[in-house]
Amino acid sequence: MSLGESIKLRRDVLGISLRDLADRIGVSHTTVNKYEKNILIPDSECLIRLSDILQIPVASLIRPQNDQIRLNPVAFRSKKLKKREEKQITAETKEWLARYLQIERLSGSHRTFVMPKGFRRKIASFDEAEKAAKDLRKVWDLGSDPIENLTTLLEDKGIKIGIISGITKFDALFTECDDNPIIVLKKDLPRARQRFSLAHELGHCLLDVEGGLDEEKAMHRFAGAFLVPSEKVIFELGEKRHKLSIKELMLLKEKYGLSMAAWVYRAKDLGIISPALYVKVQKIFSRQGWKKEEPGDTVSGEVPVFMSTLVFKSHAEGLISTSKAAELLNQNISTFCSFEGESDFEQSAMLCG
């Protein structure tokens, strides 16, 4: 990836217009256009300003990159997204993935995703989506207990997981690049919402919907069943309920990492509560504003660690320099060398020498 392509990519990621960027670095918009087309090369002072405005280290901005990231078509499932926002999401996904693939090459470490036995699978009903989730748990030997860390589980299976920021109407997406399955999540999603989004996108990785079945509802059913199998829902709630306790739902949300709303939906799907009670609970959630933010949503989500682990390992082994390690994590050197947010020179020397 050329310098001009890097500038344009970061500008798209941050939603900065060409004219706005030109004003902020003190040049004409035609000059920025020439930068992006590699007709002109910005001087060192301009590069520093670009680095600051585009929120990317200079080394990352100018790094040589031969990868031409080609993603399989991304199906944006939110109808609220504008074309500009879709473009930003795609651009940031490519920028993150370029760094991910680079550290895999430099470290010589690569996890390969193996399609589970019995998948990829065609489904034509919600019951088949439920069964697919149950079968996947069996193939992966997960039992029926809560999954402690879904992000780590999927990374260990070879799925690349990234976090991007800035798009408020976006939760997650699934795509592929050279047969690598990829799930990208919005930064700062609450834990339960993040886990459900991960499980939902996993469904898109493993299932093909046919027969006119609503694809998104099918993936919702798969996600709920994967996170909390039917036998555990019945174990926790009982076979029939006439009322549900909000505090009970809050405890179950914490235990299984599944939202209160998703628990109610699971109870309705499995016939534990009546459709009438489901509607009643939905009205309560609406009045409380819980359809946007539930109690306990301040709990932060899980963090992908495989890419960062490769960077730290490669740096410790001397395969990459400190500046390269910081670049791959999209950090400046002082941030990379700090420990738990503390800027300590002695500690930094131990970590980054």
Protein backbone atom coordinates (compact mmCIF):
# COMPACT_ATOMS: atom_id res chain seq x y z
CA MET A 1 0.00 0.00 0.00
CA SER A 2 1.48 3.35 -1.05
CA LEU A 3 1.69 6.47 1.10
CA GLY A 4 -1.07 8.09 -0.94
CA GLU A 5 -3.32 5.05 -0.49
CA SER A 6 -2.62 5.07 3.26
CA ILE A 7 -3.61 8.74 3.55
CA LYS A 8 -6.84 8.18 1.64
CA LEU A 9 -7.65 5.04 3.62
CA ARG A 10 -7.26 6.79 6.99
CA ARG A 11 -9.22 9.78 5.72
CA ASP A 12 -12.07 7.43 4.75
CA VAL A 13 -11.86 5.62 8.09
CA LEU A 14 -12.22 8.87 10.05
CA GLY A 15 -14.78 10.40 7.69
CA ILE A 16 -12.64 13.47 6.96
CA SER A 17 -13.29 15.21 3.65
CA LEU A 18 -10.42 16.03 1.33
CA ARG A 19 -10.97 19.78 1.82
CA ASP A 20 -11.18 19.47 5.60
CA LEU A 21 -7.89 17.55 5.75
CA ALA A 22 -6.27 20.16 3.51
CA ASP A 23 -7.44 23.00 5.79
CA ARG A 24 -6.17 21.24 8.91
CA ILE A 25 -2.66 20.60 7.55
CA GLY A 26 -2.45 24.01 5.87
CA VAL A 27 -2.30 23.08 2.19
CA SER A 28 -4.74 23.24 -0.73
CA HIS A 29 -7.19 20.42 -1.41
CA THR A 30 -5.49 19.88 -4.79
CA THR A 31 -2.22 19.26 -2.94
CA VAL A 32 -3.86 16.61 -0.74
CA ASN A 33 -5.38 15.09 -3.87
CA LYS A 34 -1.87 14.86 -5.33
CA TYR A 35 -0.61 13.25 -2.12
CA GLU A 36 -3.31 10.59 -2.39
CA LYS A 37 -2.52 9.97 -6.05
CA ASN A 38 1.22 9.75 -5.25
CA ILE A 39 1.98 12.70 -7.54
CA LEU A 40 3.47 14.67 -4.62
CA ILE A 41 5.17 13.46 -1.44
CA PRO A 42 4.50 15.44 1.78
CA ASP A 43 7.57 16.80 3.57
CA SER A 44 8.49 15.64 7.08
CA GLU A 45 6.63 18.49 8.81
CA CYS A 46 3.49 17.73 6.83
CA LEU A 47 3.83 14.01 7.58
CA ILE A 48 3.85 14.76 11.31
CA ARG A 49 0.67 16.84 10.96
CA LEU A 50 -0.95 14.09 8.88
CA SER A 51 0.02 11.52 11.51
CA ASP A 52 -1.64 13.61 14.24
CA ILE A 53 -4.84 14.36 12.30
CA LEU A 54 -5.23 10.85 10.88
CA GLN A 55 -4.51 9.28 14.30
CA ILE A 56 -1.85 6.91 13.04
CA PRO A 57 1.93 6.72 13.71
CA VAL A 58 4.14 8.11 10.95
CA ALA A 59 5.76 4.68 10.60
CA SER A 60 2.35 3.12 9.95
CA LEU A 61 1.49 5.83 7.47
CA ILE A 62 4.60 5.30 5.36
CA ARG A 63 5.20 1.59 5.88
CA PRO A 64 5.68 -0.40 2.68
CA GLN A 65 2.75 -2.74 2.24
CA ASN A 66 2.40 -5.11 -0.68
CA ASP A 67 -0.91 -6.56 0.40
CA GLN A 68 -3.89 -5.67 -1.67
CA ILE A 69 -6.58 -6.56 0.81
CA ARG A 70 -9.54 -8.04 -1.02
CA LEU A 71 -12.53 -8.82 1.15
CA ASN A 72 -15.39 -10.98 0.07
CA PRO A 73 -18.50 -8.82 -0.40
CA VAL A 74 -19.59 -7.51 2.99
CA ALA A 75 -23.34 -7.73 3.56
CA PHE A 76 -24.16 -4.75 5.77
CA ARG A 77 -27.17 -5.90 7.73
CA SER A 78 -28.13 -2.55 9.22
CA LYS A 79 -30.40 -0.64 6.86
CA LYS A 80 -29.56 2.53 8.82
CA LEU A 81 -26.00 2.69 7.50
CA LYS A 82 -25.20 5.29 4.88
CA LYS A 83 -22.90 4.48 1.95
CA ARG A 84 -20.23 6.72 3.46
CA GLU A 85 -20.42 4.78 6.73
CA GLU A 86 -20.18 1.45 4.90
CA LYS A 87 -17.11 2.78 3.11
CA GLN A 88 -15.55 3.82 6.43
CA ILE A 89 -16.18 0.40 7.98
CA THR A 90 -14.66 -1.37 4.99
CA ALA A 91 -11.64 0.95 4.99
CA GLU A 92 -10.93 0.50 8.69
CA THR A 93 -11.39 -3.26 8.39
CA LYS A 94 -8.80 -3.38 5.61
CA GLU A 95 -6.34 -1.19 7.55
CA TRP A 96 -6.58 -3.44 10.63
CA LEU A 97 -6.38 -6.63 8.55
CA ALA A 98 -3.26 -5.43 6.70
CA ARG A 99 -1.45 -5.11 10.05
CA TYR A 100 -2.79 -8.48 11.21
CA LEU A 101 -1.58 -10.31 8.09
CA GLN A 102 1.79 -8.57 8.30
CA ILE A 103 2.55 -9.76 11.84
CA GLU A 104 1.49 -13.28 10.87
CA ARG A 105 4.05 -13.20 8.05
CA LEU A 106 6.81 -11.68 10.17
CA SER A 107 6.27 -14.08 13.08
CA GLY A 108 5.68 -17.15 10.95
CA SER A 109 2.59 -17.93 13.05
CA HIS A 110 -0.79 -18.49 11.49
CA ARG A 111 -3.93 -20.14 12.82
CA THR A 112 -5.98 -21.88 10.15
CA PHE A 113 -9.73 -22.17 10.48
CA VAL A 114 -11.04 -25.68 9.90
CA MET A 115 -14.74 -25.93 9.06
CA PRO A 116 -16.36 -28.05 11.80
CA LYS A 117 -17.65 -31.49 10.86
CA GLY A 118 -21.18 -31.20 9.51
CA PHE A 119 -20.71 -27.60 8.44
CA ARG A 120 -21.07 -25.48 6.27
CA ARG A 121 -24.75 -26.37 6.67
CA LYS A 122 -27.98 -25.44 4.96
CA ILE A 123 -30.95 -24.62 7.17
CA ALA A 124 -34.56 -23.93 6.26
CA SER A 125 -36.18 -23.42 9.69
CA PHE A 126 -35.50 -21.87 13.07
CA ASP A 127 -35.50 -25.33 14.65
CA GLU A 128 -32.68 -26.28 12.28
CA ALA A 129 -30.76 -23.18 13.41
CA GLU A 130 -31.23 -24.33 17.02
CA LYS A 131 -30.00 -27.82 16.16
CA ALA A 132 -26.99 -26.40 14.29
CA ALA A 133 -25.93 -24.53 17.44
CA LYS A 134 -26.32 -27.66 19.54
CA ASP A 135 -24.34 -29.74 17.03
CA LEU A 136 -21.54 -27.16 16.91
CA ARG A 137 -21.18 -27.27 20.68
CA LYS A 138 -20.89 -31.05 20.42
CA VAL A 139 -18.29 -30.94 17.60
CA TRP A 140 -16.24 -28.38 19.53
CA ASP A 141 -16.68 -30.34 22.79
CA LEU A 142 -18.12 -27.37 24.68
CA GLY A 143 -20.76 -29.18 26.70
CA SER A 144 -23.71 -27.02 27.74
CA ASP A 145 -22.08 -24.75 30.34
CA PRO A 146 -21.54 -20.99 29.80
CA ILE A 147 -18.72 -20.09 27.39
CA GLU A 148 -16.31 -18.11 29.54
CA ASN A 149 -14.66 -16.15 26.72
CA LEU A 150 -16.23 -16.43 23.28
CA THR A 151 -13.65 -14.19 21.63
CA THR A 152 -10.75 -16.37 22.76
CA LEU A 153 -12.61 -19.52 21.71
CA LEU A 154 -13.15 -18.23 18.17
CA GLU A 155 -9.59 -16.90 17.88
CA ASP A 156 -8.27 -20.31 18.95
CA LYS A 157 -10.41 -21.85 16.19
CA GLY A 158 -8.66 -19.66 13.62
CA ILE A 159 -11.20 -16.87 13.13
CA LYS A 160 -9.61 -13.43 12.88
CA ILE A 161 -11.39 -10.95 15.16
CA GLY A 162 -10.87 -7.21 15.04
CA ILE A 163 -12.23 -4.14 16.81
CA ILE A 164 -12.92 -0.88 14.96
CA SER A 165 -14.43 2.40 16.14
CA GLY A 166 -16.47 5.37 15.10
CA ILE A 167 -19.64 3.94 13.54
CA THR A 168 -22.53 4.18 15.99
CA LYS A 169 -25.10 2.25 13.91
CA PHE A 170 -22.83 -0.76 13.42
CA ASP A 171 -22.27 -3.72 15.74
CA ALA A 172 -20.46 -6.41 13.75
CA LEU A 173 -19.82 -7.95 10.34
CA PHE A 174 -18.58 -11.20 8.87
CA THR A 175 -16.43 -11.43 5.76
CA GLU A 176 -13.57 -13.48 4.35
CA CYS A 177 -10.17 -12.75 2.86
CA ASP A 178 -8.28 -15.53 1.06
CA ASP A 179 -10.41 -18.15 2.85
CA ASN A 180 -9.71 -16.53 6.25
CA PRO A 181 -12.99 -16.02 8.16
CA ILE A 182 -13.10 -12.56 9.70
CA ILE A 183 -15.41 -11.01 12.28
CA VAL A 184 -15.13 -7.29 12.96
CA LEU A 185 -16.82 -5.66 15.95
CA LYS A 186 -17.51 -2.08 16.96
CA LYS A 187 -15.35 -0.82 19.81
CA ASP A 188 -16.83 -0.53 23.31
CA LEU A 189 -19.84 -2.82 22.85
CA PRO A 190 -21.22 -4.04 26.20
CA ARG A 191 -20.17 -7.61 26.97
CA ALA A 192 -23.53 -9.31 26.36
CA ARG A 193 -24.17 -7.41 23.15
CA GLN A 194 -20.68 -8.13 21.88
CA ARG A 195 -20.96 -11.85 22.58
CA PHE A 196 -24.33 -12.09 20.87
CA SER A 197 -22.93 -10.23 17.85
CA LEU A 198 -19.97 -12.64 17.71
CA ALA A 199 -22.26 -15.66 17.85
CA HIS A 200 -24.55 -14.10 15.24
CA GLU A 201 -21.65 -13.54 12.81
CA LEU A 202 -20.38 -17.06 13.52
CA GLY A 203 -23.74 -18.23 12.21
CA HIS A 204 -23.10 -16.38 8.95
CA CYS A 205 -19.75 -18.18 8.75
CA LEU A 206 -21.27 -21.65 9.20
CA LEU A 207 -24.82 -21.57 7.85
CA ASP A 208 -26.60 -21.03 4.55
CA VAL A 209 -30.26 -20.09 4.79
CA GLU A 210 -32.72 -21.40 2.19
CA GLY A 211 -36.44 -21.74 1.63
CA GLY A 212 -37.29 -18.10 2.24
CA LEU A 213 -36.28 -18.20 5.92
CA ASP A 214 -35.47 -14.78 7.38
CA GLU A 215 -31.66 -14.91 7.51
CA GLU A 216 -31.12 -12.43 10.33
CA LYS A 217 -33.76 -14.02 12.57
CA ALA A 218 -32.21 -17.42 11.86
CA MET A 219 -28.80 -16.12 12.94
CA HIS A 220 -30.37 -14.64 16.09
CA ARG A 221 -31.81 -18.07 16.90
CA PHE A 222 -28.44 -19.72 16.27
CA ALA A 223 -26.63 -17.15 18.43
CA GLY A 224 -29.00 -17.52 21.38
CA ALA A 225 -28.89 -21.31 21.18
CA PHE A 226 -25.10 -21.37 20.93
CA LEU A 227 -24.64 -19.11 23.95
CA VAL A 228 -27.35 -20.80 26.05
CA PRO A 229 -28.48 -24.26 24.89
CA SER A 230 -32.17 -25.12 25.32
CA GLU A 231 -31.52 -27.52 28.20
CA LYS A 232 -29.78 -24.74 30.15
CA VAL A 233 -32.63 -22.31 29.51
CA ILE A 234 -35.07 -24.88 30.92
CA PHE A 235 -32.68 -25.66 33.79
CA GLU A 236 -32.52 -21.99 34.77
CA LEU A 237 -36.10 -20.88 34.07
CA GLY A 238 -38.14 -24.08 34.30
CA GLU A 239 -40.39 -25.57 31.64
CA LYS A 240 -43.24 -23.07 32.11
CA ARG A 241 -43.32 -19.56 33.55
CA HIS A 242 -46.15 -17.09 34.06
CA LYS A 243 -43.93 -14.24 35.23
CA LEU A 244 -40.24 -13.37 35.07
CA SER A 245 -38.16 -11.48 37.61
CA ILE A 246 -36.00 -8.64 36.34
CA LYS A 247 -33.36 -9.41 38.97
CA GLU A 248 -33.41 -13.05 37.90
CA LEU A 249 -32.73 -12.00 34.30
CA MET A 250 -29.91 -9.73 35.45
CA LEU A 251 -28.19 -12.62 37.25
CA LEU A 252 -28.57 -14.91 34.24
CA LYS A 253 -27.18 -12.19 32.00
CA GLU A 254 -24.06 -12.03 34.16
CA LYS A 255 -23.70 -15.81 34.35
CA TYR A 256 -24.06 -16.60 30.64
CA GLY A 257 -23.09 -13.33 28.96
CA LEU A 258 -26.48 -13.17 27.21
CA SER A 259 -28.63 -10.05 27.44
CA MET A 260 -31.87 -9.89 29.40
CA ALA A 261 -33.77 -9.28 26.15
CA ALA A 262 -32.17 -12.35 24.55
CA TRP A 263 -33.11 -14.46 27.59
CA VAL A 264 -36.74 -13.39 27.22
CA TYR A 265 -36.61 -14.16 23.49
CA ARG A 266 -35.14 -17.62 24.20
CA ALA A 267 -37.90 -18.28 26.70
CA LYS A 268 -40.51 -17.33 24.08
CA ASP A 269 -38.86 -19.42 21.34
CA LEU A 270 -38.78 -22.50 23.57
CA GLY A 271 -42.40 -22.12 24.71
CA ILE A 272 -41.47 -21.37 28.33
CA ILE A 273 -43.43 -18.13 28.29
CA SER A 274 -46.50 -17.29 26.21
CA PRO A 275 -46.43 -14.83 23.29
CA ALA A 276 -48.67 -12.57 25.39
CA LEU A 277 -46.18 -12.50 28.27
CA TYR A 278 -43.37 -11.85 25.80
CA VAL A 279 -45.20 -8.79 24.47
CA LYS A 280 -45.84 -7.60 28.02
CA VAL A 281 -42.15 -7.89 28.92
CA GLN A 282 -41.22 -6.06 25.72
CA LYS A 283 -43.42 -3.14 26.74
CA ILE A 284 -41.75 -3.02 30.15
CA PHE A 285 -38.32 -2.97 28.50
CA SER A 286 -39.44 -0.15 26.19
CA ARG A 287 -40.75 1.97 29.07
CA GLN A 288 -37.48 1.50 30.97
CA GLY A 289 -35.36 2.34 27.95
CA TRP A 290 -33.74 -1.10 28.13
CA LYS A 291 -34.01 -1.79 24.42
CA LYS A 292 -31.15 0.67 23.97
CA GLU A 293 -29.21 0.07 27.17
CA GLU A 294 -29.88 -2.62 29.76
CA PRO A 295 -28.80 -2.68 33.40
CA GLY A 296 -25.25 -4.03 33.52
CA ASP A 297 -24.33 -2.78 30.05
CA THR A 298 -21.43 -0.80 31.50
CA VAL A 299 -19.48 -4.08 31.67
CA SER A 300 -16.86 -3.92 28.93
CA GLY A 301 -16.65 -6.58 26.26
CA GLU A 302 -14.02 -9.21 25.55
CA VAL A 303 -10.74 -8.25 23.88
CA PRO A 304 -9.12 -10.13 20.95
CA VAL A 305 -5.56 -11.03 21.98
CA PHE A 306 -4.00 -13.21 19.26
CA MET A 307 -2.67 -10.39 17.07
CA SER A 308 -1.26 -8.46 20.05
CA THR A 309 0.30 -11.64 21.44
CA LEU A 310 2.09 -12.23 18.13
CA VAL A 311 3.45 -8.67 18.21
CA PHE A 312 4.72 -8.92 21.81
CA LYS A 313 6.21 -12.37 21.19
CA SER A 314 7.95 -11.28 17.98
CA HIS A 315 9.29 -8.17 19.71
CA ALA A 316 10.58 -10.16 22.69
CA GLU A 317 12.32 -12.61 20.36
CA GLY A 318 13.96 -9.80 18.41
CA LEU A 319 12.10 -10.55 15.18
CA ILE A 320 10.78 -6.99 14.99
CA SER A 321 11.98 -3.66 16.38
CA THR A 322 10.19 -1.59 19.00
CA SER A 323 9.11 0.91 16.37
CA LYS A 324 7.76 -1.88 14.16
CA ALA A 325 5.88 -3.44 17.06
CA ALA A 326 4.29 -0.10 17.93
CA GLU A 327 3.41 0.44 14.27
CA LEU A 328 1.68 -2.94 13.98
CA LEU A 329 -0.44 -2.18 17.05
CA ASN A 330 -1.17 1.31 15.67
CA GLN A 331 0.48 2.91 18.71
CA ASN A 332 3.25 5.40 19.29
CA ILE A 333 6.42 4.07 20.90
CA SER A 334 5.77 5.61 24.32
CA THR A 335 2.35 3.95 24.51
CA PHE A 336 3.80 0.61 23.45
CA CYS A 337 6.54 0.86 26.07
CA SER A 338 4.25 1.88 28.92
CA PHE A 339 3.04 -0.72 31.40
CA GLU A 340 -0.63 -0.60 32.45
CA GLY A 341 -0.81 3.01 31.33
CA GLU A 342 2.18 4.11 33.41
CA SER A 343 5.05 5.78 31.57
CA ASP A 344 8.04 4.45 33.48
CA PHE A 345 11.43 4.73 31.78
CA GLU A 346 12.98 1.88 33.74
CA GLN A 347 10.00 -0.36 33.04
CA SER A 348 9.98 0.77 29.41
CA ALA A 349 13.64 -0.10 29.04
CA MET A 350 12.98 -3.58 30.41
CA LEU A 351 10.06 -4.13 28.06
CA CYS A 352 11.34 -2.34 24.99
CA GLY A 353 15.10 -2.49 25.11
